[in-house]
Amino acid sequence: MVCSEDPVLINIITSRHQHSLPVMALLLGSSLWGVLWLPLRYFNQAGLHGAWLILVTYLLLALPAGWWSWRRRRELHGHHWTLLGLLVFGGWTNVAFMMSLVHGEVVRMLLLFYLSPVWAIFAARIFLREAVGWRGAMAALLAVGGSALVVSHGQGFSLDDLSSNDLLSISSGLAFALSNVVLRADEALGDVHRATSVWWGCVLLALPFAWFQSWPTLSPAHYVDLLGFSWFWIAGATLAVQYGVARMPVSVSAVIMPFEVIVGALSAWWLAGENPGFLELLGGILILSAALLQITRSQQHPVSLGGVEMEKGEF
């Protein structure tokens, strides 16, 4: 019989607990991002349309984060170009992705965003002079073939098949890759300052789109829901992902992150009636395989940027 205070048993239990928490956090965060389309469409139907929803949601995060960063503004010295890059590219990553989810096919939007690791191949080559390598070349081929199947529904690729929502999701992935380049060029900037810049970028970039949309007509009860969505759903998903990826190897977290697409696909099939065909599913597998090839090139820990995972090391 083992004593309840046996240090060996306690160490085993503690070790398992410490290893399971990051996995659970990452699964939770991925699930929240996978079903992000649901609250987005809920608020859109309630009268807070896409751009207004993004603006208000991130303003609720940017105000307290901006106050925190302002009090520590001395830490921002020498990082102004980094902050500007994150504001533009990081902000557009979230704005374009969320707008695409409001009206676009959920699985399609998620998969087209997951082309971001392939965009990172070319961005790193152009701006950081990094070699593409066999993994990069293979990932590019897989992603191009997969995206052609997803966009064309397996009926033959044409640029006419690209909708405005497709372009938003693709541009979101491209902005994500460029944000990664900005991060890698300046790794000294603190995580909260980075997130603050991205959140303010979301607010500023959503503003011109909101100008052309009708004024919000939410009831007071919906504004309470909005506060919870911003502070608990968006912030909670961000913190959960950041906690998980910071405590496990990239080779492990990269396998878990596509769980977001699985959750998104199942939720869209169950609640929105989306039913992708076999060739589209095959295209999705090719895209995720390309992303996995690229992400696992690095064994360093990624960091979270405004709710989207980014790597500090070689992408």
Protein backbone atom coordinates (compact mmCIF):
# COMPACT_ATOMS: atom_id res chain seq x y z
CA MET A 1 0.00 0.00 0.00
CA VAL A 2 1.36 3.43 -0.99
CA CYS A 3 1.23 6.23 1.53
CA SER A 4 -0.87 9.18 0.41
CA GLU A 5 2.08 11.43 1.12
CA ASP A 6 4.56 9.34 -0.89
CA PRO A 7 6.74 11.95 -2.67
CA VAL A 8 7.20 9.72 -5.74
CA LEU A 9 3.44 9.39 -6.22
CA ILE A 10 2.98 13.10 -5.65
CA ASN A 11 5.64 13.89 -8.25
CA ILE A 12 3.99 11.57 -10.78
CA ILE A 13 0.57 13.13 -10.23
CA THR A 14 2.02 16.66 -10.38
CA SER A 15 3.93 15.86 -13.58
CA ARG A 16 0.83 14.47 -15.30
CA HIS A 17 -1.17 17.48 -14.14
CA GLN A 18 1.43 19.90 -15.48
CA HIS A 19 1.50 18.14 -18.86
CA SER A 20 -2.27 17.81 -19.23
CA LEU A 21 -3.10 21.46 -18.43
CA PRO A 22 -1.32 22.93 -21.51
CA VAL A 23 -3.02 20.37 -23.77
CA MET A 24 -6.43 21.12 -22.27
CA ALA A 25 -5.81 24.87 -22.55
CA LEU A 26 -4.80 24.54 -26.20
CA LEU A 27 -7.82 22.39 -27.01
CA LEU A 28 -10.09 24.90 -25.28
CA GLY A 29 -8.54 27.88 -27.08
CA SER A 30 -8.66 26.10 -30.45
CA SER A 31 -12.29 25.17 -29.89
CA LEU A 32 -13.24 28.77 -29.08
CA TRP A 33 -11.55 30.02 -32.26
CA GLY A 34 -13.11 27.18 -34.26
CA VAL A 35 -16.66 28.22 -33.33
CA LEU A 36 -15.92 31.94 -33.43
CA TRP A 37 -18.30 32.20 -36.37
CA LEU A 38 -21.25 31.46 -34.08
CA PRO A 39 -21.11 34.60 -31.85
CA LEU A 40 -20.07 36.69 -34.86
CA ARG A 41 -23.24 35.75 -36.73
CA TYR A 42 -25.31 36.05 -33.57
CA PHE A 43 -24.31 39.68 -33.07
CA ASN A 44 -24.57 40.39 -36.80
CA GLN A 45 -28.19 39.21 -36.82
CA ALA A 46 -28.88 41.16 -33.62
CA GLY A 47 -27.92 44.44 -35.33
CA LEU A 48 -24.19 44.79 -34.68
CA HIS A 49 -22.80 44.16 -38.12
CA GLY A 50 -19.37 42.76 -38.98
CA ALA A 51 -17.07 45.80 -38.88
CA TRP A 52 -18.90 47.44 -35.97
CA LEU A 53 -18.72 44.21 -34.02
CA ILE A 54 -14.96 43.94 -34.58
CA LEU A 55 -14.42 47.59 -33.71
CA VAL A 56 -16.35 47.46 -30.44
CA THR A 57 -15.02 44.03 -29.42
CA TYR A 58 -11.39 45.02 -29.78
CA LEU A 59 -11.93 48.50 -28.39
CA LEU A 60 -13.04 46.85 -25.14
CA LEU A 61 -9.69 45.02 -25.11
CA ALA A 62 -7.53 47.83 -26.50
CA LEU A 63 -8.54 50.47 -23.94
CA PRO A 64 -7.30 48.65 -20.79
CA ALA A 65 -4.32 47.17 -22.65
CA GLY A 66 -3.45 50.59 -24.05
CA TRP A 67 -3.55 52.10 -20.57
CA TRP A 68 -1.20 49.35 -19.36
CA SER A 69 1.22 49.95 -22.24
CA TRP A 70 1.13 53.72 -21.78
CA ARG A 71 2.17 53.37 -18.17
CA ARG A 72 5.16 51.37 -19.40
CA ARG A 73 5.84 53.49 -22.48
CA ARG A 74 9.57 53.63 -21.74
CA GLU A 75 9.70 49.99 -22.81
CA LEU A 76 8.47 51.05 -26.27
CA HIS A 77 11.57 53.10 -27.06
CA GLY A 78 13.20 51.83 -30.24
CA HIS A 79 10.24 49.61 -31.19
CA HIS A 80 8.12 52.11 -33.11
CA TRP A 81 8.44 50.40 -36.50
CA THR A 82 7.58 47.06 -34.91
CA LEU A 83 4.49 48.55 -33.29
CA LEU A 84 3.42 50.06 -36.62
CA GLY A 85 3.94 46.78 -38.45
CA LEU A 86 1.93 44.84 -35.88
CA LEU A 87 -0.79 47.48 -35.90
CA VAL A 88 -1.20 47.16 -39.68
CA PHE A 89 -0.52 43.48 -40.36
CA GLY A 90 -1.67 42.05 -37.03
CA GLY A 91 -4.77 44.23 -37.07
CA TRP A 92 -5.70 43.21 -40.60
CA THR A 93 -5.18 39.54 -39.71
CA ASN A 94 -8.04 39.64 -37.22
CA VAL A 95 -10.27 42.14 -39.04
CA ALA A 96 -10.21 40.32 -42.38
CA PHE A 97 -10.57 36.87 -40.81
CA MET A 98 -13.53 37.84 -38.64
CA MET A 99 -15.31 39.64 -41.49
CA SER A 100 -14.88 36.59 -43.71
CA LEU A 101 -16.46 34.35 -41.06
CA VAL A 102 -19.60 36.47 -40.77
CA HIS A 103 -20.86 35.59 -44.27
CA GLY A 104 -18.42 33.03 -45.72
CA GLU A 105 -18.43 29.25 -45.48
CA VAL A 106 -16.78 28.46 -42.16
CA VAL A 107 -14.56 25.55 -43.18
CA ARG A 108 -13.54 27.26 -46.41
CA MET A 109 -12.51 30.42 -44.53
CA LEU A 110 -10.55 28.47 -41.92
CA LEU A 111 -8.68 26.46 -44.53
CA LEU A 112 -7.82 29.45 -46.70
CA PHE A 113 -6.45 31.21 -43.63
CA TYR A 114 -4.27 28.18 -42.94
CA LEU A 115 -2.34 29.04 -46.11
CA SER A 116 -0.47 31.51 -43.89
CA PRO A 117 2.54 29.21 -43.28
CA VAL A 118 3.05 29.05 -47.05
CA TRP A 119 2.92 32.83 -47.37
CA ALA A 120 5.53 32.86 -44.62
CA ILE A 121 7.89 30.87 -46.88
CA PHE A 122 7.96 33.67 -49.45
CA ALA A 123 7.93 36.47 -46.87
CA ALA A 124 10.90 34.96 -45.03
CA ARG A 125 12.73 34.46 -48.32
CA ILE A 126 12.14 38.03 -49.52
CA PHE A 127 12.58 39.95 -46.27
CA LEU A 128 14.79 37.70 -44.15
CA ARG A 129 16.79 35.97 -46.92
CA GLU A 130 15.96 32.52 -45.56
CA ALA A 131 16.39 29.42 -47.69
CA VAL A 132 13.15 27.73 -48.72
CA GLY A 133 14.42 24.17 -48.28
CA TRP A 134 12.70 20.93 -49.26
CA ARG A 135 10.04 21.33 -46.55
CA GLY A 136 9.15 24.77 -47.83
CA ALA A 137 8.94 23.61 -51.45
CA MET A 138 6.82 20.59 -50.51
CA ALA A 139 4.55 22.73 -48.32
CA ALA A 140 4.04 25.22 -51.14
CA LEU A 141 3.04 22.46 -53.58
CA LEU A 142 0.65 20.87 -51.08
CA ALA A 143 -0.94 24.21 -50.20
CA VAL A 144 -1.41 25.32 -53.82
CA GLY A 145 -3.02 22.01 -54.74
CA GLY A 146 -5.18 21.98 -51.62
CA SER A 147 -6.37 25.57 -52.02
CA ALA A 148 -7.31 24.90 -55.66
CA LEU A 149 -9.52 22.00 -54.55
CA VAL A 150 -11.10 24.03 -51.73
CA VAL A 151 -11.81 27.15 -53.82
CA SER A 152 -13.07 25.34 -56.92
CA HIS A 153 -15.07 22.65 -55.06
CA GLY A 154 -13.05 20.16 -57.10
CA GLN A 155 -14.52 21.44 -60.38
CA GLY A 156 -11.39 23.03 -61.89
CA PHE A 157 -9.71 26.15 -60.56
CA SER A 158 -10.50 29.62 -61.85
CA LEU A 159 -9.90 33.06 -60.36
CA ASP A 160 -13.61 33.70 -60.89
CA ASP A 161 -14.27 31.16 -58.14
CA LEU A 162 -12.74 33.50 -55.54
CA SER A 163 -15.37 35.46 -53.60
CA SER A 164 -14.79 38.60 -51.54
CA ASN A 165 -14.88 36.44 -48.40
CA ASP A 166 -12.22 34.15 -49.90
CA LEU A 167 -10.01 37.16 -50.58
CA LEU A 168 -10.51 38.42 -47.04
CA SER A 169 -9.48 35.07 -45.55
CA ILE A 170 -6.48 34.70 -47.87
CA SER A 171 -5.34 38.27 -47.18
CA SER A 172 -5.73 37.57 -43.46
CA GLY A 173 -3.32 34.66 -43.75
CA LEU A 174 -0.91 36.80 -45.77
CA ALA A 175 -1.04 39.56 -43.15
CA PHE A 176 -0.42 36.94 -40.48
CA ALA A 177 2.73 35.80 -42.27
CA LEU A 178 3.97 39.38 -42.61
CA SER A 179 3.26 39.96 -38.92
CA ASN A 180 5.45 36.98 -38.19
CA VAL A 181 8.28 38.58 -40.14
CA VAL A 182 7.86 41.77 -38.09
CA LEU A 183 8.01 39.76 -34.87
CA ARG A 184 11.13 37.91 -35.85
CA ALA A 185 12.87 41.13 -36.79
CA ASP A 186 12.30 42.47 -33.24
CA GLU A 187 11.85 39.80 -30.57
CA ALA A 188 12.63 42.14 -27.65
CA LEU A 189 9.19 43.77 -27.52
CA GLY A 190 6.99 42.44 -24.67
CA ASP A 191 3.97 40.23 -25.42
CA VAL A 192 1.42 42.63 -23.91
CA HIS A 193 2.77 45.54 -25.95
CA ARG A 194 2.49 43.40 -29.07
CA ALA A 195 -1.10 42.43 -28.32
CA THR A 196 -1.97 46.05 -27.54
CA SER A 197 -0.67 47.18 -30.91
CA VAL A 198 -2.62 44.46 -32.71
CA TRP A 199 -5.84 45.24 -30.84
CA TRP A 200 -5.59 48.94 -31.64
CA GLY A 201 -4.89 47.97 -35.24
CA CYS A 202 -8.15 46.00 -35.25
CA VAL A 203 -10.02 49.06 -34.02
CA LEU A 204 -8.48 51.48 -36.53
CA LEU A 205 -8.74 49.16 -39.54
CA ALA A 206 -12.35 48.19 -38.78
CA LEU A 207 -13.36 51.86 -38.54
CA PRO A 208 -13.49 52.66 -42.30
CA PHE A 209 -15.52 49.49 -42.97
CA ALA A 210 -17.92 50.40 -40.16
CA TRP A 211 -18.48 53.79 -41.80
CA PHE A 212 -20.29 52.07 -44.70
CA GLN A 213 -22.41 49.83 -42.48
CA SER A 214 -25.59 50.71 -40.69
CA TRP A 215 -25.41 52.05 -37.14
CA PRO A 216 -25.64 49.31 -34.46
CA THR A 217 -29.15 48.60 -33.17
CA LEU A 218 -28.37 46.31 -30.25
CA SER A 219 -30.56 46.12 -27.18
CA PRO A 220 -28.95 46.80 -23.76
CA ALA A 221 -28.98 43.06 -23.01
CA HIS A 222 -26.92 42.40 -26.13
CA TYR A 223 -24.28 44.87 -24.97
CA VAL A 224 -23.84 42.78 -21.84
CA ASP A 225 -23.34 39.76 -24.10
CA LEU A 226 -20.83 41.77 -26.12
CA LEU A 227 -18.81 42.62 -23.04
CA GLY A 228 -18.66 38.95 -22.12
CA PHE A 229 -17.72 38.00 -25.68
CA SER A 230 -14.81 40.45 -25.71
CA TRP A 231 -13.40 39.94 -22.23
CA PHE A 232 -14.09 36.23 -21.82
CA TRP A 233 -14.38 34.63 -25.28
CA ILE A 234 -11.73 36.59 -27.22
CA ALA A 235 -9.42 37.28 -24.28
CA GLY A 236 -10.02 33.80 -22.84
CA ALA A 237 -9.22 32.05 -26.12
CA THR A 238 -6.11 34.21 -26.49
CA LEU A 239 -4.84 33.41 -22.99
CA ALA A 240 -5.68 29.70 -23.29
CA VAL A 241 -3.75 29.35 -26.54
CA GLN A 242 -0.85 31.41 -25.22
CA TYR A 243 -0.67 29.29 -22.07
CA GLY A 244 -0.75 26.06 -24.05
CA VAL A 245 1.77 26.83 -26.79
CA ALA A 246 4.24 28.37 -24.34
CA ARG A 247 4.46 25.10 -22.39
CA MET A 248 4.86 22.47 -25.09
CA PRO A 249 7.12 21.88 -28.11
CA VAL A 250 5.99 23.26 -31.46
CA SER A 251 5.97 19.72 -32.83
CA VAL A 252 3.20 18.91 -30.34
CA SER A 253 1.19 22.14 -30.47
CA ALA A 254 1.25 22.09 -34.28
CA VAL A 255 -0.62 18.79 -34.25
CA ILE A 256 -3.25 20.14 -31.83
CA MET A 257 -3.87 23.52 -33.48
CA PRO A 258 -5.72 22.11 -36.56
CA PHE A 259 -8.32 20.94 -34.02
CA GLU A 260 -9.71 24.44 -34.65
CA VAL A 261 -10.63 23.41 -38.19
CA ILE A 262 -12.22 20.16 -36.99
CA VAL A 263 -14.35 21.99 -34.43
CA GLY A 264 -15.26 24.61 -37.02
CA ALA A 265 -16.22 21.95 -39.56
CA LEU A 266 -18.37 19.96 -37.12
CA SER A 267 -20.10 23.06 -35.72
CA ALA A 268 -20.78 24.42 -39.22
CA TRP A 269 -22.15 21.04 -40.35
CA TRP A 270 -24.37 20.70 -37.29
CA LEU A 271 -25.56 24.30 -36.86
CA ALA A 272 -25.16 25.94 -40.29
CA GLY A 273 -25.85 22.99 -42.58
CA GLU A 274 -22.47 23.16 -44.33
CA ASN A 275 -21.50 19.88 -45.95
CA PRO A 276 -18.14 19.98 -47.80
CA GLY A 277 -17.56 17.37 -50.49
CA PHE A 278 -14.83 14.75 -50.68
CA LEU A 279 -12.50 16.81 -52.89
CA GLU A 280 -12.86 19.83 -50.62
CA LEU A 281 -12.00 17.68 -47.62
CA LEU A 282 -8.98 16.35 -49.53
CA GLY A 283 -7.92 19.93 -50.25
CA GLY A 284 -8.23 20.73 -46.55
CA ILE A 285 -6.01 17.78 -45.66
CA LEU A 286 -3.38 19.02 -48.14
CA ILE A 287 -3.47 22.55 -46.71
CA LEU A 288 -3.18 21.35 -43.11
CA SER A 289 -0.34 19.02 -44.11
CA ALA A 290 1.48 21.98 -45.65
CA ALA A 291 0.96 24.03 -42.51
CA LEU A 292 2.22 21.16 -40.35
CA LEU A 293 5.34 20.80 -42.50
CA GLN A 294 6.19 24.46 -42.11
CA ILE A 295 5.33 24.90 -38.44
CA THR A 296 7.35 21.88 -37.33
CA ARG A 297 10.49 23.29 -38.94
CA SER A 298 11.01 25.14 -35.67
CA GLN A 299 11.44 23.63 -32.21
CA GLN A 300 11.18 27.00 -30.47
CA HIS A 301 8.10 28.07 -28.58
CA PRO A 302 5.55 30.22 -30.40
CA VAL A 303 3.93 33.28 -28.94
CA SER A 304 0.37 34.54 -29.24
CA LEU A 305 -0.40 37.70 -31.16
CA GLY A 306 -3.86 39.04 -30.55
CA GLY A 307 -5.40 35.56 -30.48
CA VAL A 308 -3.48 34.07 -33.38
CA GLU A 309 -0.46 31.87 -32.80
CA MET A 310 2.88 33.07 -34.10
CA GLU A 311 6.32 31.61 -33.95
CA LYS A 312 9.42 33.46 -32.84
CA GLY A 313 11.80 31.04 -34.48
CA GLU A 314 12.16 29.81 -38.02
CA PHE A 315 8.70 29.39 -39.53
